[in-house]
C-alpha atoms as a PDB file:
ATOM      1  CA  MET A   1       2.550 -17.536  10.230  1.00  0.00           C
ATOM      2  CA  THR A   2       3.163 -15.961   6.841  1.00  0.00           C
ATOM      3  CA  ARG A   3       3.395 -12.177   6.694  1.00  0.00           C
ATOM      4  CA  ARG A   4       1.649 -10.536   3.767  1.00  0.00           C
ATOM      5  CA  LEU A   5       3.044  -7.510   1.968  1.00  0.00           C
ATOM      6  CA  VAL A   6       0.996  -5.736  -0.693  1.00  0.00           C
ATOM      7  CA  ALA A   7       2.597  -3.310  -3.143  1.00  0.00           C
ATOM      8  CA  VAL A   8       0.123  -0.909  -4.734  1.00  0.00           C
ATOM      9  CA  SER A   9       1.411   1.006  -7.749  1.00  0.00           C
ATOM     10  CA  ALA A  10      -0.467   3.618  -9.763  1.00  0.00           C
ATOM     11  CA  GLY A  11       1.714   3.844 -12.847  1.00  0.00           C
ATOM     12  CA  LEU A  12      -0.195   4.298 -16.087  1.00  0.00           C
ATOM     13  CA  SER A  13       2.342   3.007 -18.591  1.00  0.00           C
ATOM     14  CA  ASN A  14       3.553  -0.521 -19.185  1.00  0.00           C
ATOM     15  CA  PRO A  15       6.352  -1.010 -18.317  1.00  0.00           C
ATOM     16  CA  SER A  16       6.197   1.517 -15.509  1.00  0.00           C
ATOM     17  CA  SER A  17       8.944   3.031 -13.374  1.00  0.00           C
ATOM     18  CA  THR A  18       6.307   3.335 -10.628  1.00  0.00           C
ATOM     19  CA  ARG A  19       5.738  -0.428 -10.687  1.00  0.00           C
ATOM     20  CA  LEU A  20       9.501  -0.974 -10.782  1.00  0.00           C
ATOM     21  CA  LEU A  21       9.979   1.135  -7.652  1.00  0.00           C
ATOM     22  CA  ALA A  22       7.115  -0.667  -5.896  1.00  0.00           C
ATOM     23  CA  ASP A  23       8.694  -4.032  -6.732  1.00  0.00           C
ATOM     24  CA  ARG A  24      12.101  -2.902  -5.471  1.00  0.00           C
ATOM     25  CA  LEU A  25      10.632  -1.607  -2.204  1.00  0.00           C
ATOM     26  CA  ALA A  26       8.629  -4.794  -1.705  1.00  0.00           C
ATOM     27  CA  GLU A  27      11.706  -6.938  -2.287  1.00  0.00           C
ATOM     28  CA  ALA A  28      13.733  -4.886   0.206  1.00  0.00           C
ATOM     29  CA  ALA A  29      11.019  -5.267   2.851  1.00  0.00           C
ATOM     30  CA  ARG A  30      10.644  -8.979   2.077  1.00  0.00           C
ATOM     31  CA  ALA A  31      14.369  -9.554   2.439  1.00  0.00           C
ATOM     32  CA  ALA A  32      14.486  -7.630   5.721  1.00  0.00           C
ATOM     33  CA  LEU A  33      11.579  -9.650   7.119  1.00  0.00           C
ATOM     34  CA  ALA A  34      13.134 -12.917   5.925  1.00  0.00           C
ATOM     35  CA  ALA A  35      16.331 -11.939   7.748  1.00  0.00           C
ATOM     36  CA  ARG A  36      14.203 -11.775  10.907  1.00  0.00           C
ATOM     37  CA  GLY A  37      13.021 -15.333  10.282  1.00  0.00           C
ATOM     38  CA  GLU A  38       9.596 -14.374   8.932  1.00  0.00           C
ATOM     39  CA  GLU A  39       7.921 -16.129   6.024  1.00  0.00           C
ATOM     40  CA  VAL A  40       6.697 -13.512   3.568  1.00  0.00           C
ATOM     41  CA  GLU A  41       4.178 -13.458   0.742  1.00  0.00           C
ATOM     42  CA  VAL A  42       4.265 -10.460  -1.619  1.00  0.00           C
ATOM     43  CA  ARG A  43       1.298  -9.380  -3.743  1.00  0.00           C
ATOM     44  CA  ALA A  44       1.496  -6.664  -6.410  1.00  0.00           C
ATOM     45  CA  VAL A  45      -1.583  -4.578  -7.221  1.00  0.00           C
ATOM     46  CA  GLU A  46      -1.346  -2.454 -10.371  1.00  0.00           C
ATOM     47  CA  LEU A  47      -4.114   0.117 -10.294  1.00  0.00           C
ATOM     48  CA  ARG A  48      -4.091   0.580 -14.074  1.00  0.00           C
ATOM     49  CA  ASP A  49      -5.653  -2.892 -14.287  1.00  0.00           C
ATOM     50  CA  VAL A  50      -8.665  -1.837 -12.190  1.00  0.00           C
ATOM     51  CA  ALA A  51      -8.910   1.835 -13.207  1.00  0.00           C
ATOM     52  CA  HIS A  52     -12.380   1.526 -14.760  1.00  0.00           C
ATOM     53  CA  ASP A  53     -13.535  -0.598 -11.816  1.00  0.00           C
ATOM     54  CA  VAL A  54     -12.453   2.118  -9.368  1.00  0.00           C
ATOM     55  CA  THR A  55     -14.501   4.720 -11.261  1.00  0.00           C
ATOM     56  CA  ASP A  56     -17.525   2.414 -11.413  1.00  0.00           C
ATOM     57  CA  HIS A  57     -17.239   1.790  -7.666  1.00  0.00           C
ATOM     58  CA  LEU A  58     -17.148   5.522  -6.957  1.00  0.00           C
ATOM     59  CA  LEU A  59     -20.360   5.917  -8.967  1.00  0.00           C
ATOM     60  CA  THR A  60     -22.254   2.821  -7.829  1.00  0.00           C
ATOM     61  CA  GLY A  61     -20.790   1.901  -4.441  1.00  0.00           C
ATOM     62  CA  PHE A  62     -20.181  -1.684  -5.550  1.00  0.00           C
ATOM     63  CA  PRO A  63     -16.744  -3.093  -6.429  1.00  0.00           C
ATOM     64  CA  SER A  64     -16.178  -5.482  -9.309  1.00  0.00           C
ATOM     65  CA  PRO A  65     -14.723  -8.902  -8.410  1.00  0.00           C
ATOM     66  CA  ALA A  66     -11.250  -7.763  -9.534  1.00  0.00           C
ATOM     67  CA  LEU A  67     -11.399  -4.564  -7.488  1.00  0.00           C
ATOM     68  CA  LYS A  68     -12.811  -6.375  -4.453  1.00  0.00           C
ATOM     69  CA  ASP A  69      -9.889  -8.797  -4.663  1.00  0.00           C
ATOM     70  CA  ALA A  70      -7.450  -5.852  -4.642  1.00  0.00           C
ATOM     71  CA  LEU A  71      -9.251  -4.124  -1.763  1.00  0.00           C
ATOM     72  CA  ASP A  72      -9.324  -7.365   0.226  1.00  0.00           C
ATOM     73  CA  ALA A  73      -5.593  -7.820  -0.361  1.00  0.00           C
ATOM     74  CA  VAL A  74      -4.897  -4.373   1.115  1.00  0.00           C
ATOM     75  CA  ALA A  75      -7.213  -5.039   4.066  1.00  0.00           C
ATOM     76  CA  GLY A  76      -5.451  -8.321   4.837  1.00  0.00           C
ATOM     77  CA  ALA A  77      -1.918  -7.015   4.416  1.00  0.00           C
ATOM     78  CA  ASP A  78       0.524  -6.888   7.308  1.00  0.00           C
ATOM     79  CA  GLY A  79       2.402  -4.156   5.481  1.00  0.00           C
ATOM     80  CA  LEU A  80       1.575  -1.929   2.539  1.00  0.00           C
ATOM     81  CA  ILE A  81       3.850  -0.331  -0.061  1.00  0.00           C
ATOM     82  CA  ALA A  82       2.071   2.533  -1.837  1.00  0.00           C
ATOM     83  CA  VAL A  83       3.722   4.171  -4.859  1.00  0.00           C
ATOM     84  CA  SER A  84       2.284   6.889  -7.070  1.00  0.00           C
ATOM     85  CA  PRO A  85       3.585   8.873 -10.009  1.00  0.00           C
ATOM     86  CA  ILE A  86       3.602  12.593  -9.266  1.00  0.00           C
ATOM     87  CA  PHE A  87       1.336  14.707 -11.467  1.00  0.00           C
ATOM     88  CA  ASN A  88       0.999  18.452 -10.933  1.00  0.00           C
ATOM     89  CA  ALA A  89       2.900  18.293  -7.609  1.00  0.00           C
ATOM     90  CA  SER A  90       0.684  15.586  -6.064  1.00  0.00           C
ATOM     91  CA  TYR A  91      -0.355  11.932  -6.266  1.00  0.00           C
ATOM     92  CA  SER A  92      -2.303  10.765  -9.298  1.00  0.00           C
ATOM     93  CA  GLY A  93      -6.088  10.798  -9.375  1.00  0.00           C
ATOM     94  CA  LEU A  94      -6.177   7.024  -9.812  1.00  0.00           C
ATOM     95  CA  PHE A  95      -4.012   6.540  -6.710  1.00  0.00           C
ATOM     96  CA  LYS A  96      -6.253   8.794  -4.594  1.00  0.00           C
ATOM     97  CA  SER A  97      -9.453   7.256  -5.939  1.00  0.00           C
ATOM     98  CA  PHE A  98      -8.336   3.739  -5.005  1.00  0.00           C
ATOM     99  CA  PHE A  99      -7.719   4.737  -1.409  1.00  0.00           C
ATOM    100  CA  ASP A 100     -11.019   6.658  -1.404  1.00  0.00           C
ATOM    101  CA  VAL A 101     -12.939   3.410  -1.961  1.00  0.00           C
ATOM    102  CA  LEU A 102     -11.255   1.507   0.865  1.00  0.00           C
ATOM    103  CA  ASP A 103     -13.609   0.797   3.754  1.00  0.00           C
ATOM    104  CA  ASP A 104     -13.238   3.016   6.806  1.00  0.00           C
ATOM    105  CA  GLY A 105     -10.606   1.802   9.234  1.00  0.00           C
ATOM    106  CA  VAL A 106      -8.832  -0.550   6.821  1.00  0.00           C
ATOM    107  CA  LEU A 107      -5.507   1.249   7.251  1.00  0.00           C
ATOM    108  CA  ASP A 108      -5.785   1.808  11.018  1.00  0.00           C
ATOM    109  CA  ASP A 109      -2.373   1.003  12.555  1.00  0.00           C
ATOM    110  CA  LYS A 110      -1.217  -0.649   9.302  1.00  0.00           C
ATOM    111  CA  PRO A 111       2.481  -0.135   8.472  1.00  0.00           C
ATOM    112  CA  VAL A 112       2.862   1.710   5.173  1.00  0.00           C
ATOM    113  CA  LEU A 113       5.933   2.533   3.103  1.00  0.00           C
ATOM    114  CA  LEU A 114       5.533   5.415   0.666  1.00  0.00           C
ATOM    115  CA  GLY A 115       7.187   5.867  -2.699  1.00  0.00           C
ATOM    116  CA  ALA A 116       6.768   8.118  -5.711  1.00  0.00           C
ATOM    117  CA  THR A 117       8.214   8.644  -9.154  1.00  0.00           C
ATOM    118  CA  GLY A 118       8.547  11.746 -11.281  1.00  0.00           C
ATOM    119  CA  GLY A 119      10.401  13.264 -14.159  1.00  0.00           C
ATOM    120  CA  THR A 120      12.640  15.481 -12.035  1.00  0.00           C
ATOM    121  CA  ALA A 121      13.743  15.801  -8.420  1.00  0.00           C
ATOM    122  CA  ARG A 122      11.672  18.989  -8.143  1.00  0.00           C
ATOM    123  CA  HIS A 123       8.677  16.763  -7.376  1.00  0.00           C
ATOM    124  CA  SER A 124      10.350  14.923  -4.492  1.00  0.00           C
ATOM    125  CA  LEU A 125       8.632  16.864  -1.699  1.00  0.00           C
ATOM    126  CA  ALA A 126       5.221  15.737  -2.966  1.00  0.00           C
ATOM    127  CA  ILE A 127       5.552  12.658  -0.752  1.00  0.00           C
ATOM    128  CA  GLU A 128       5.819  14.848   2.341  1.00  0.00           C
ATOM    129  CA  HIS A 129       3.150  17.403   1.505  1.00  0.00           C
ATOM    130  CA  ALA A 130       0.627  15.116  -0.232  1.00  0.00           C
ATOM    131  CA  LEU A 131       1.070  11.376   0.363  1.00  0.00           C
ATOM    132  CA  ARG A 132       2.213  11.346   3.997  1.00  0.00           C
ATOM    133  CA  PRO A 133      -0.630  13.595   5.243  1.00  0.00           C
ATOM    134  CA  MET A 134      -3.203  11.444   3.441  1.00  0.00           C
ATOM    135  CA  PHE A 135      -1.997   8.221   5.025  1.00  0.00           C
ATOM    136  CA  THR A 136      -1.658   9.878   8.415  1.00  0.00           C
ATOM    137  CA  TYR A 137      -5.283  10.975   8.105  1.00  0.00           C
ATOM    138  CA  LEU A 138      -6.195   7.354   7.333  1.00  0.00           C
ATOM    139  CA  HIS A 139      -4.472   6.343  10.624  1.00  0.00           C
ATOM    140  CA  ALA A 140      -1.757   4.293   8.961  1.00  0.00           C
ATOM    141  CA  VAL A 141       1.671   4.004  10.569  1.00  0.00           C
ATOM    142  CA  VAL A 142       3.941   5.498   7.926  1.00  0.00           C
ATOM    143  CA  ALA A 143       7.597   4.450   7.790  1.00  0.00           C
ATOM    144  CA  PRO A 144       9.949   7.387   8.448  1.00  0.00           C
ATOM    145  CA  THR A 145      11.853   6.964   5.196  1.00  0.00           C
ATOM    146  CA  SER A 146      10.026   7.367   1.902  1.00  0.00           C
ATOM    147  CA  VAL A 147      11.591   6.927  -1.528  1.00  0.00           C
ATOM    148  CA  PHE A 148      11.266   9.268  -4.480  1.00  0.00           C
ATOM    149  CA  ALA A 149      12.818   8.189  -7.771  1.00  0.00           C
ATOM    150  CA  ALA A 150      13.265  10.746 -10.525  1.00  0.00           C
ATOM    151  CA  THR A 151      14.172   9.619 -14.017  1.00  0.00           C
ATOM    152  CA  GLU A 152      17.821  10.476 -13.394  1.00  0.00           C
ATOM    153  CA  ASP A 153      17.932   8.387 -10.196  1.00  0.00           C
ATOM    154  CA  TRP A 154      17.672   5.140 -12.133  1.00  0.00           C
ATOM    155  CA  GLY A 155      21.131   5.915 -13.512  1.00  0.00           C
ATOM    156  CA  HIS A 156      22.556   6.160  -9.972  1.00  0.00           C
ATOM    157  CA  GLU A 157      21.638   2.741  -8.702  1.00  0.00           C
ATOM    158  CA  GLY A 158      23.939   2.906  -5.676  1.00  0.00           C
ATOM    159  CA  THR A 159      22.218   5.871  -4.036  1.00  0.00           C
ATOM    160  CA  LEU A 160      18.723   4.699  -4.928  1.00  0.00           C
ATOM    161  CA  HIS A 161      19.511   1.167  -3.741  1.00  0.00           C
ATOM    162  CA  GLN A 162      20.635   2.501  -0.354  1.00  0.00           C
ATOM    163  CA  ARG A 163      17.429   4.486   0.109  1.00  0.00           C
ATOM    164  CA  ILE A 164      15.299   1.518  -0.910  1.00  0.00           C
ATOM    165  CA  GLY A 165      17.158  -0.767   1.507  1.00  0.00           C
ATOM    166  CA  ARG A 166      16.738   1.627   4.402  1.00  0.00           C
ATOM    167  CA  ALA A 167      13.027   2.137   3.730  1.00  0.00           C
ATOM    168  CA  GLY A 168      12.418  -1.600   3.339  1.00  0.00           C
ATOM    169  CA  GLY A 169      14.157  -2.272   6.642  1.00  0.00           C
ATOM    170  CA  GLU A 170      11.977   0.282   8.400  1.00  0.00           C
ATOM    171  CA  LEU A 171       8.791  -1.273   7.026  1.00  0.00           C
ATOM    172  CA  ALA A 172       9.990  -4.733   8.068  1.00  0.00           C
ATOM    173  CA  ALA A 173      10.601  -3.505  11.627  1.00  0.00           C
ATOM    174  CA  LEU A 174       7.110  -2.010  11.810  1.00  0.00           C
ATOM    175  CA  VAL A 175       5.521  -5.208  10.478  1.00  0.00           C
ATOM    176  CA  ALA A 176       7.523  -7.481  12.786  1.00  0.00           C
ATOM    177  CA  ALA A 177       6.478  -5.442  15.835  1.00  0.00           C
ATOM    178  CA  ARG A 178       2.777  -6.109  15.203  1.00  0.00           C
ATOM    179  CA  GLU A 179       0.507  -9.111  15.393  1.00  0.00           C
ATOM    180  CA  PRO A 180      -0.424 -10.571  11.982  1.00  0.00           C
ATOM    181  CA  ALA A 181      -3.283  -8.715  10.312  1.00  0.00           C
ATOM    182  CA  THR A 182      -6.783 -10.092  10.710  1.00  0.00           C
ATOM    183  CA  VAL A 183      -9.848  -9.072   8.751  1.00  0.00           C
ATOM    184  CA  ALA A 184     -13.185  -9.097  10.540  1.00  0.00           C
ATOM    185  CA  ASP A 185     -16.019 -10.870   8.742  1.00  0.00           C
ATOM    186  CA  PRO A 186     -18.781  -8.266   8.331  1.00  0.00           C
ATOM    187  CA  PHE A 187     -21.354 -11.069   8.220  1.00  0.00           C
ATOM    188  CA  ALA A 188     -20.134 -12.874  11.325  1.00  0.00           C
ATOM    189  CA  LEU A 189     -22.709 -13.083  14.096  1.00  0.00           C
ATOM    190  CA  THR A 190     -21.688 -11.367  17.320  1.00  0.00           C
ATOM    191  CA  THR A 191     -24.544 -13.125  19.130  1.00  0.00           C
ATOM    192  CA  THR A 192     -25.579 -16.725  18.605  1.00  0.00           C
ATOM    193  CA  PHE A 193     -29.146 -17.660  17.693  1.00  0.00           C
ATOM    194  CA  ASP A 194     -29.450 -19.488  21.020  1.00  0.00           C
ATOM    195  CA  ASP A 195     -28.666 -16.262  22.848  1.00  0.00           C
ATOM    196  CA  LEU A 196     -31.152 -14.352  20.725  1.00  0.00           C
ATOM    197  CA  LEU A 197     -33.899 -16.891  21.457  1.00  0.00           C
ATOM    198  CA  ARG A 198     -33.155 -16.677  25.184  1.00  0.00           C
ATOM    199  CA  GLY A 199     -33.375 -12.891  24.969  1.00  0.00           C
ATOM    200  CA  ALA A 200     -29.725 -12.440  25.929  1.00  0.00           C
END
């Protein structure tokens, strides 16, 4: 059984340090799961590519095919990496809006690894006072270690690499301890037509 990891990044630029951090975290988790003998598939979701679709969905209640594909990927993930740039001491509006349009219960008991990027280390506590409470509210199981990368951290690869490795290992342990994710078909019949005809 292949485990599925999905890395959601909300960086607005291209290239993006937010996407880079998400990729590094996903690779660390993939490697840790592979070391446990698990086959792993990693999917990257860049929210900048579906930004207009997210807004349209908020207004209409209907996702575009591209956004539905991203939402379905998150729903079917065994583990989620969620990384946002920090704006004004919190997650970005695009990041929050994407998780606002997820169906209720999608993140219940789903292992999640949090990351964030910012210009200076002064924003590092935003993960603890903004991101972690949001995912706790959504009933996700959040890995103990989160990773914040300020601009200056990319010049100290040793320290950042250690934090990424530790966080990836924690996500891998949470994923390995759970049964593979399954997504219920909302159109599946819970009662057969035969039972309905018999009045069961």
